[in-house]
Protein backbone atom coordinates (compact mmCIF):
# COMPACT_ATOMS: atom_id res chain seq x y z
CA MET A 1 196.16 168.74 101.03
CA GLY A 2 197.43 165.14 101.00
CA ALA A 3 194.72 162.68 101.98
CA LEU A 4 191.92 165.02 100.83
CA TRP A 5 192.73 164.71 97.12
CA GLY A 6 190.85 161.43 96.75
CA PRO A 7 187.48 162.44 98.26
CA VAL A 8 187.55 165.91 96.66
CA MET A 9 188.31 164.48 93.22
CA PHE A 10 185.59 161.84 93.57
CA LEU A 11 183.05 164.44 94.69
CA GLY A 12 184.12 166.75 91.86
CA VAL A 13 183.46 164.22 89.12
CA LEU A 14 180.03 163.34 90.57
CA VAL A 15 179.04 167.03 90.69
CA LEU A 16 180.13 167.48 87.07
CA ILE A 17 178.21 164.39 85.99
CA PHE A 18 175.00 165.48 87.74
CA THR A 19 175.12 168.83 85.94
CA GLY A 20 174.46 166.90 82.74
CA TYR A 21 177.96 167.15 81.27
CA PRO A 22 178.89 164.09 79.15
CA VAL A 23 180.32 161.50 81.52
CA ALA A 24 183.33 160.51 79.40
CA PHE A 25 184.50 164.13 79.22
CA ALA A 26 183.60 164.75 82.87
CA LEU A 27 185.93 161.91 83.88
CA ALA A 28 188.79 163.01 81.64
CA GLY A 29 188.35 166.73 82.40
CA THR A 30 188.27 166.20 86.17
CA ALA A 31 191.39 164.06 85.92
CA LEU A 32 193.30 166.67 83.92
CA LEU A 33 192.22 169.47 86.28
CA PHE A 34 193.29 167.57 89.40
CA SER A 35 196.55 166.46 87.79
CA VAL A 36 197.46 170.13 87.36
CA LEU A 37 196.34 171.05 90.89
CA GLY A 38 198.14 168.04 92.34
CA THR A 39 201.32 168.91 90.47
CA LEU A 40 201.23 172.51 91.69
CA ALA A 41 200.80 171.21 95.25
CA GLY A 42 203.64 168.73 94.81
CA ASP A 43 201.40 165.69 95.35
CA PHE A 44 201.25 164.41 91.75
CA ASP A 45 203.99 163.47 89.30
CA LEU A 46 203.14 164.20 85.67
CA ILE A 47 205.50 161.41 84.63
CA LEU A 48 202.57 159.06 85.34
CA PHE A 49 200.98 160.28 82.11
CA ARG A 50 203.62 158.32 80.22
CA ALA A 51 201.48 155.27 80.93
CA LEU A 52 198.40 156.84 79.34
CA PRO A 53 199.08 156.00 75.66
CA GLU A 54 199.73 152.36 76.50
CA ARG A 55 196.56 152.16 78.62
CA THR A 56 194.48 153.81 75.90
CA PHE A 57 195.82 151.41 73.30
CA GLY A 58 195.04 148.58 75.73
CA VAL A 59 191.40 149.70 75.82
CA MET A 60 191.19 149.82 72.03
CA SER A 61 192.77 146.39 71.63
CA ASN A 62 190.88 144.66 74.45
CA TYR A 63 189.68 141.38 72.94
CA THR A 64 187.03 140.80 75.61
CA LEU A 65 185.38 144.17 75.00
CA LEU A 66 185.07 143.31 71.31
CA ALA A 67 182.07 141.21 72.37
CA ILE A 68 180.12 144.40 73.15
CA PRO A 69 179.52 145.57 69.54
CA PHE A 70 178.80 141.98 68.47
CA PHE A 71 176.05 141.45 71.04
CA ILE A 72 174.61 144.93 70.49
CA PHE A 73 174.49 144.25 66.76
CA MET A 74 172.89 140.85 67.31
CA GLY A 75 170.14 142.39 69.41
CA THR A 76 169.50 145.36 67.13
CA VAL A 77 169.24 143.12 64.08
CA LEU A 78 166.62 141.00 65.87
CA GLU A 79 164.76 144.21 66.74
CA LYS A 80 165.06 146.15 63.46
CA SER A 81 164.18 143.15 61.28
CA ARG A 82 160.98 142.64 63.34
CA LEU A 83 162.07 139.14 64.37
CA ALA A 84 161.56 140.13 68.02
CA GLU A 85 158.06 141.42 67.25
CA ASP A 86 157.16 138.17 65.47
CA LEU A 87 158.51 136.25 68.46
CA LEU A 88 156.31 138.21 70.85
CA GLU A 89 153.21 137.76 68.70
CA THR A 90 153.76 134.02 68.46
CA ILE A 91 154.23 133.57 72.20
CA GLY A 92 151.20 135.78 72.75
CA ILE A 93 149.13 133.45 70.57
CA LEU A 94 150.51 130.38 72.36
CA PHE A 95 149.84 131.56 75.91
CA GLY A 96 147.40 134.44 75.41
CA ARG A 97 144.37 132.14 75.41
CA PHE A 98 144.92 131.76 79.19
CA ARG A 99 144.42 134.46 81.81
CA GLY A 100 147.74 136.19 82.35
CA GLY A 101 149.24 134.28 79.44
CA LEU A 102 150.02 137.38 77.39
CA ALA A 103 151.93 138.91 80.33
CA LEU A 104 153.85 135.65 80.76
CA GLY A 105 154.71 135.79 77.07
CA VAL A 106 155.94 139.36 77.47
CA ILE A 107 158.16 138.29 80.39
CA GLY A 108 159.63 135.44 78.34
CA VAL A 109 160.23 137.55 75.25
CA GLY A 110 161.46 140.43 77.37
CA ALA A 111 164.10 138.18 78.90
CA LEU A 112 165.22 136.97 75.47
CA LEU A 113 165.20 140.43 73.90
CA ALA A 114 166.93 142.02 76.89
CA ALA A 115 169.62 139.35 76.86
CA ALA A 116 170.16 139.77 73.13
CA THR A 117 170.08 143.56 73.10
CA GLY A 118 171.95 144.01 76.37
CA VAL A 119 171.05 147.71 76.72
CA VAL A 120 168.22 148.63 79.07
CA GLY A 121 167.01 151.65 77.12
CA ALA A 122 166.71 149.71 73.88
CA SER A 123 165.05 146.74 75.58
CA VAL A 124 162.42 148.75 77.49
CA THR A 125 161.63 150.96 74.50
CA ALA A 126 161.30 148.01 72.15
CA MET A 127 159.12 146.07 74.58
CA GLY A 128 156.94 149.11 75.14
CA LEU A 129 156.43 149.74 71.44
CA ILE A 130 155.80 146.07 70.62
CA SER A 131 153.81 144.72 73.54
CA MET A 132 152.04 147.64 75.23
CA PRO A 133 149.40 148.21 72.51
CA VAL A 134 148.61 144.48 72.41
CA MET A 135 148.23 144.19 76.18
CA LEU A 136 146.09 147.32 76.54
CA ARG A 137 143.93 146.34 73.57
CA ASN A 138 143.20 143.00 75.22
CA GLY A 139 142.04 144.57 78.48
CA TYR A 140 145.14 144.32 80.69
CA LYS A 141 145.23 146.84 83.54
CA ASP A 142 147.60 149.76 83.03
CA ASP A 143 149.72 149.19 86.13
CA LEU A 144 150.27 145.48 85.41
CA THR A 145 151.12 146.20 81.77
CA LEU A 146 153.64 148.90 82.66
CA GLY A 147 155.19 146.87 85.47
CA VAL A 148 155.63 143.76 83.34
CA ILE A 149 157.22 145.68 80.46
CA SER A 150 159.57 147.70 82.69
CA ALA A 151 160.74 144.67 84.67
CA SER A 152 161.11 142.42 81.64
CA GLY A 153 163.11 145.04 79.77
CA THR A 154 165.69 145.28 82.56
CA LEU A 155 166.38 141.54 82.70
CA GLY A 156 169.24 142.12 80.26
CA GLN A 157 171.30 143.34 83.23
CA ILE A 158 171.62 139.81 84.56
CA ILE A 159 170.63 137.21 81.94
CA PRO A 160 173.57 136.22 79.71
CA PRO A 161 174.81 136.99 77.16
CA SER A 162 174.74 140.37 78.88
CA ILE A 163 176.84 143.40 77.96
CA VAL A 164 176.60 144.43 81.60
CA LEU A 165 178.39 141.27 82.69
CA ILE A 166 181.02 141.68 79.96
CA VAL A 167 181.88 145.16 81.23
CA LEU A 168 181.86 143.99 84.86
CA GLY A 169 184.18 141.12 84.01
CA ASP A 170 186.63 143.49 82.33
CA GLN A 171 186.56 146.06 85.14
CA MET A 172 186.79 143.50 87.95
CA GLY A 173 189.33 141.22 86.31
CA VAL A 174 186.89 138.28 86.41
CA SER A 175 186.24 135.71 83.69
CA VAL A 176 183.21 136.74 81.62
CA GLY A 177 182.35 133.08 81.13
CA ALA A 178 182.31 132.58 84.91
CA LEU A 179 179.99 135.58 85.30
CA PHE A 180 177.68 134.20 82.60
CA GLN A 181 177.46 130.83 84.33
CA ALA A 182 176.90 132.39 87.78
CA ALA A 183 174.18 134.70 86.40
CA ILE A 184 171.95 131.97 85.00
CA VAL A 185 170.36 130.93 88.31
CA PRO A 186 169.64 134.48 89.61
CA GLY A 187 168.32 135.40 86.16
CA LEU A 188 165.99 132.42 86.10
CA ILE A 189 164.87 133.12 89.69
CA LEU A 190 164.00 136.71 88.79
CA THR A 191 162.14 135.64 85.66
CA GLY A 192 160.32 132.95 87.62
CA GLY A 193 159.45 135.45 90.35
CA TYR A 194 157.92 137.80 87.81
CA ALA A 195 155.96 134.92 86.29
CA LEU A 196 154.64 133.75 89.68
CA TYR A 197 153.45 137.26 90.43
CA VAL A 198 151.57 137.41 87.11
CA VAL A 199 150.01 134.00 87.78
CA GLY A 200 148.91 135.23 91.20
CA VAL A 201 147.32 138.32 89.66
CA ALA A 202 145.53 136.18 87.07
CA ILE A 203 144.12 133.93 89.80
CA PHE A 204 143.09 136.54 92.38
CA ASN A 205 142.32 139.47 90.07
CA PRO A 206 141.37 137.95 86.70
CA GLU A 207 140.03 141.26 85.34
CA ALA A 208 143.57 142.67 85.44
CA ALA A 209 144.98 139.95 83.15
CA PRO A 210 142.24 138.61 80.86
CA ALA A 211 142.65 135.95 78.21
CA MET A 212 143.49 137.10 74.68
CA ALA A 213 140.38 136.35 72.62
CA GLU A 214 142.09 136.60 69.23
CA ALA A 215 144.65 133.96 70.27
CA ARG A 216 141.99 131.25 69.95
CA ASP A 217 141.60 132.02 66.25
CA VAL A 218 145.01 130.56 65.40
CA THR A 219 145.17 126.79 65.84
CA GLY A 220 146.41 123.62 64.22
CA ILE A 221 148.75 123.89 61.24
CA ALA A 222 148.69 127.69 61.26
CA LEU A 223 149.87 127.76 64.88
CA LEU A 224 152.53 125.14 64.22
CA ARG A 225 153.81 127.14 61.26
CA ARG A 226 154.10 130.29 63.36
CA VAL A 227 156.02 128.41 66.07
CA VAL A 228 158.43 126.88 63.56
CA VAL A 229 159.02 130.13 61.67
CA SER A 230 158.96 132.74 64.45
CA LEU A 231 159.77 131.00 67.73
CA ILE A 232 162.26 128.20 67.17
CA PRO A 233 164.97 130.04 65.11
CA PRO A 234 165.62 132.93 67.58
CA LEU A 235 165.57 130.53 70.53
CA ALA A 236 167.99 128.21 68.73
CA LEU A 237 170.30 131.15 68.00
CA ILE A 238 170.45 132.23 71.64
CA LEU A 239 170.94 128.64 72.83
CA VAL A 240 173.79 128.11 70.36
CA VAL A 241 175.48 131.35 71.43
CA LEU A 242 175.22 130.53 75.14
CA GLY A 243 175.99 126.87 74.63
CA SER A 244 179.20 127.63 72.76
CA ILE A 245 180.39 129.76 75.69
CA PHE A 246 179.43 127.33 78.45
CA ALA A 247 180.87 124.34 76.57
CA GLY A 248 184.17 126.16 76.20
CA VAL A 249 183.98 125.95 72.41
CA ALA A 250 183.99 129.75 71.97
CA THR A 251 184.93 132.82 73.96
CA PRO A 252 182.22 135.45 74.58
CA THR A 253 183.71 137.52 71.75
CA GLU A 254 183.62 134.61 69.31
CA ALA A 255 180.09 133.73 70.44
CA GLY A 256 179.03 137.33 69.88
CA ALA A 257 180.38 137.21 66.33
CA LEU A 258 178.50 133.93 65.79
CA GLY A 259 175.32 135.52 67.13
CA SER A 260 175.68 138.53 64.82
CA VAL A 261 176.05 136.35 61.75
CA GLY A 262 173.21 134.11 62.93
CA ALA A 263 170.87 137.08 63.48
CA MET A 264 171.55 138.37 59.97
CA ALA A 265 171.02 134.89 58.54
CA LEU A 266 167.66 134.51 60.32
CA ALA A 267 166.55 137.94 59.12
CA ALA A 268 167.62 137.13 55.55
CA MET A 269 165.82 133.77 55.62
CA GLY A 270 162.62 135.53 56.63
CA GLY A 271 163.04 138.20 53.98
CA GLN A 272 163.37 140.88 56.66
CA MET A 273 167.05 141.80 56.30
CA THR A 274 166.37 145.00 54.38
CA THR A 275 168.97 147.64 53.65
CA ALA A 276 167.17 150.08 55.95
CA ALA A 277 167.12 147.56 58.83
CA LEU A 278 170.81 146.72 58.39
CA ARG A 279 171.80 150.39 58.21
CA SER A 280 169.77 151.21 61.33
CA ALA A 281 171.28 148.29 63.26
CA MET A 282 174.80 149.31 62.25
CA GLN A 283 174.18 152.94 63.27
CA ASP A 284 172.83 151.96 66.68
CA THR A 285 175.73 149.56 67.23
CA THR A 286 178.30 152.17 66.22
CA ARG A 287 176.79 154.85 68.44
CA LEU A 288 176.63 152.63 71.54
CA THR A 289 180.09 151.18 70.97
CA ILE A 290 181.64 154.64 70.59
CA MET A 291 179.93 155.70 73.81
CA VAL A 292 181.42 152.73 75.68
CA ILE A 293 184.93 153.29 74.26
CA PHE A 294 184.94 156.99 75.17
CA LEU A 295 183.74 156.11 78.67
CA LEU A 296 186.54 153.58 78.98
CA ILE A 297 189.19 156.07 77.87
CA GLY A 298 187.80 158.75 80.19
CA SER A 299 187.71 156.33 83.12
CA THR A 300 191.28 155.22 82.33
CA ILE A 301 192.52 158.81 82.62
CA PHE A 302 190.47 159.34 85.78
CA THR A 303 191.79 156.15 87.40
CA LEU A 304 195.38 157.02 86.52
CA VAL A 305 195.20 160.43 88.23
CA PHE A 306 193.03 159.17 91.10
CA ARG A 307 195.59 156.51 91.95
CA GLY A 308 198.44 158.99 91.47
CA LEU A 309 196.81 161.11 94.16
CA GLU A 310 196.39 157.98 96.35
CA GLY A 311 192.63 158.10 96.10
CA ASP A 312 192.50 154.32 95.66
CA LEU A 313 194.17 153.89 99.06
CA TRP A 314 191.55 156.16 100.63
CA ILE A 315 188.71 154.11 99.10
CA ALA A 316 190.28 150.77 100.09
CA GLU A 317 190.91 151.88 103.68
CA MET A 318 187.44 153.37 104.10
CA LEU A 319 185.49 150.42 102.66
CA SER A 320 187.55 147.66 104.23
CA ASN A 321 187.26 149.15 107.74
CA LEU A 322 183.51 149.66 107.85
CA PRO A 323 181.58 148.36 110.88
CA GLY A 324 180.29 144.87 110.24
CA GLY A 325 183.17 143.80 108.02
CA ALA A 326 182.08 142.17 104.75
CA LEU A 327 178.38 142.73 105.51
CA GLY A 328 178.94 146.42 106.19
CA PHE A 329 180.95 146.70 102.97
CA LEU A 330 178.23 145.04 100.90
CA LEU A 331 175.48 147.18 102.41
CA VAL A 332 177.33 150.48 101.85
CA VAL A 333 178.43 149.62 98.31
CA ASN A 334 174.96 148.44 97.35
CA VAL A 335 173.34 151.60 98.74
CA ILE A 336 175.82 153.77 96.79
CA VAL A 337 175.29 151.85 93.55
CA PHE A 338 171.53 151.78 94.07
CA VAL A 339 171.33 155.57 94.50
CA LEU A 340 173.69 156.30 91.60
CA GLY A 341 171.54 154.04 89.42
CA PHE A 342 168.76 156.64 89.69
CA PHE A 343 170.83 159.23 87.90
CA ILE A 344 173.50 157.69 85.67
CA ASP A 345 173.76 154.76 83.29
CA PHE A 346 175.22 151.38 84.16
CA PHE A 347 178.33 151.92 82.02
CA GLU A 348 179.18 155.05 83.97
CA ILE A 349 178.76 153.26 87.31
CA ALA A 350 180.87 150.36 86.07
CA PHE A 351 183.74 152.58 85.02
CA ILE A 352 183.68 154.88 88.07
CA ILE A 353 182.62 152.79 91.07
CA VAL A 354 183.37 149.16 90.26
CA PRO A 355 187.19 149.45 89.89
CA LEU A 356 187.33 151.20 93.27
CA VAL A 357 185.53 148.43 95.20
CA VAL A 358 187.60 145.52 93.87
CA ALA A 359 190.59 146.04 96.20
CA PRO A 360 188.58 146.28 99.46
CA ALA A 361 186.45 143.31 98.35
CA GLN A 362 189.62 141.26 97.92
CA ILE A 363 190.89 142.40 101.32
CA LEU A 364 187.61 141.20 102.87
CA GLY A 365 187.87 137.86 101.04
CA LEU A 366 184.70 138.24 98.94
CA ASP A 367 184.16 136.25 95.76
CA LEU A 368 184.45 138.80 92.94
CA THR A 369 182.31 136.75 90.58
CA TRP A 370 179.33 136.80 92.92
CA LEU A 371 180.01 140.43 93.82
CA GLY A 372 179.64 141.20 90.12
CA ILE A 373 176.29 139.39 90.04
CA ILE A 374 175.11 141.35 93.10
CA LEU A 375 176.07 144.64 91.46
CA ALA A 376 174.25 143.68 88.24
CA VAL A 377 171.03 142.84 90.12
CA ASN A 378 171.36 146.03 92.18
CA ILE A 379 171.63 148.22 89.08
CA GLN A 380 168.67 146.40 87.59
CA THR A 381 166.61 147.22 90.71
CA SER A 382 167.58 150.89 90.81
CA PHE A 383 166.59 151.29 87.15
CA LEU A 384 163.00 150.47 88.17
CA THR A 385 162.76 152.51 91.36
CA PRO A 386 160.66 155.72 91.35
CA PRO A 387 160.99 158.59 90.96
CA PHE A 388 164.27 158.50 89.03
CA GLY A 389 164.31 154.96 87.61
CA VAL A 390 165.93 155.16 84.18
CA SER A 391 163.72 152.40 82.76
CA LEU A 392 160.64 154.38 83.75
CA PHE A 393 161.87 157.38 81.78
CA TYR A 394 162.38 155.23 78.69
CA LEU A 395 158.94 153.66 79.05
CA ARG A 396 157.28 157.04 79.68
CA GLY A 397 158.46 158.09 76.23
CA VAL A 398 156.39 155.38 74.50
CA THR A 399 153.41 155.33 76.89
CA PRO A 400 150.10 156.95 75.85
CA PRO A 401 149.68 160.37 77.55
CA GLU A 402 146.39 159.35 79.14
CA ILE A 403 148.26 156.85 81.35
CA SER A 404 149.63 158.71 84.38
CA THR A 405 153.18 158.41 85.66
CA THR A 406 151.74 157.50 89.06
CA ARG A 407 150.22 154.33 87.58
CA MET A 408 153.63 153.49 86.14
CA TYR A 409 155.21 153.84 89.57
CA ARG A 410 152.50 151.67 91.11
CA GLY A 411 152.99 148.99 88.48
CA VAL A 412 156.71 148.47 89.13
CA LEU A 413 156.51 148.24 92.93
CA PRO A 414 155.79 144.46 93.10
CA PHE A 415 158.67 143.77 90.73
CA ILE A 416 161.03 145.93 92.78
CA ALA A 417 160.05 143.88 95.85
CA ILE A 418 160.86 140.66 93.96
CA GLN A 419 164.28 142.00 92.95
CA LEU A 420 165.10 143.18 96.48
CA VAL A 421 164.32 139.70 97.81
CA VAL A 422 166.68 138.18 95.23
CA LEU A 423 169.34 140.80 96.01
CA GLY A 424 169.08 139.98 99.72
CA GLY A 425 169.41 136.30 98.94
CA LEU A 426 172.56 136.93 96.90
CA ILE A 427 174.13 138.92 99.76
CA VAL A 428 173.40 136.02 102.13
CA TRP A 429 174.89 133.62 99.55
CA ILE A 430 178.18 135.52 99.14
CA LEU A 431 178.59 135.73 102.95
CA ARG A 432 177.94 132.03 103.55
């Protein structure tokens, strides 16, 4: 069978994943099955499994990946203690008195919450529950409301401190700090693009984004108090966390630990660090962390067998010899990642696809840091794209039944266009 082992094994794991079988076990099960078949055919040496315990222990002791539970916990504490909700309400009062101001506030808070939470499902769901009733109550059009919430919730893919970038850094062998620094400009461009679109809607279609009448009722000392209590502390926490990484004072893992402690301190200072909130945050963090670890172990077994059957050589040869060279490689990889983003979560894409594209990218002389940024933006775009966009499924779960799914699709289209423009710009940048 020889050269066919790689493509057959890759196709087999995708088929198993699309049947709904848990991805971690699909990866490990496919690897074990093909290791047996490869051994019977004389194309695989079971002695390679001697490396498995050491690799598994390496996953469990990976210092960089320790940042994942810290940042998840930081974000869930901000969410469960209602600090994120207070932040949204305060920004809504600040900007809601202007047409489109509430949507701009949602974009700003969505970026902060997405960056802190780092998980698209949690970000979109939280933004939907917190901001959708306020926007609809104040007369915002359904499609604009849904588009703003969906797009803002997915900004956590690119804006640091992002769990997505931490995983990409580990899988690609790139400094997480370098990814964080490179991601700031694209993240700000995306956020600015969303904001410009909202401003345009407010100018040319003011009925779609009216001013928030109740925002004018809070002024003077009352407004200042809300800003000091609800706005400044979370912003300061995020700035301290990012600043410590960029200044080289702390690693992403140490900054994540600092952020976790800081989030608990802010919640305690506001009297919102209840036992129920802490327990819920710890449960969410544990569940997501376990999911990531099992995916890592499953992908480690898969990669070991895949390389033992020379599948990595097949991938490297195929992708590095595409027509168009580096441009052809980027287009094919981005199309594959974009389509897979309809069906499976980012973590699964990162552990299956990303390790396989590193070698051909190096052969073609591409900057792995910027390739990681391109992949993050690509995943973010696919999460919004109908009919299978994962973010749309999350938002559908918290959207009133009288709002049709078609309106949701219509609402995200302008934001998808903005992200595709940014993605195209990044591809031009990496090829410069």
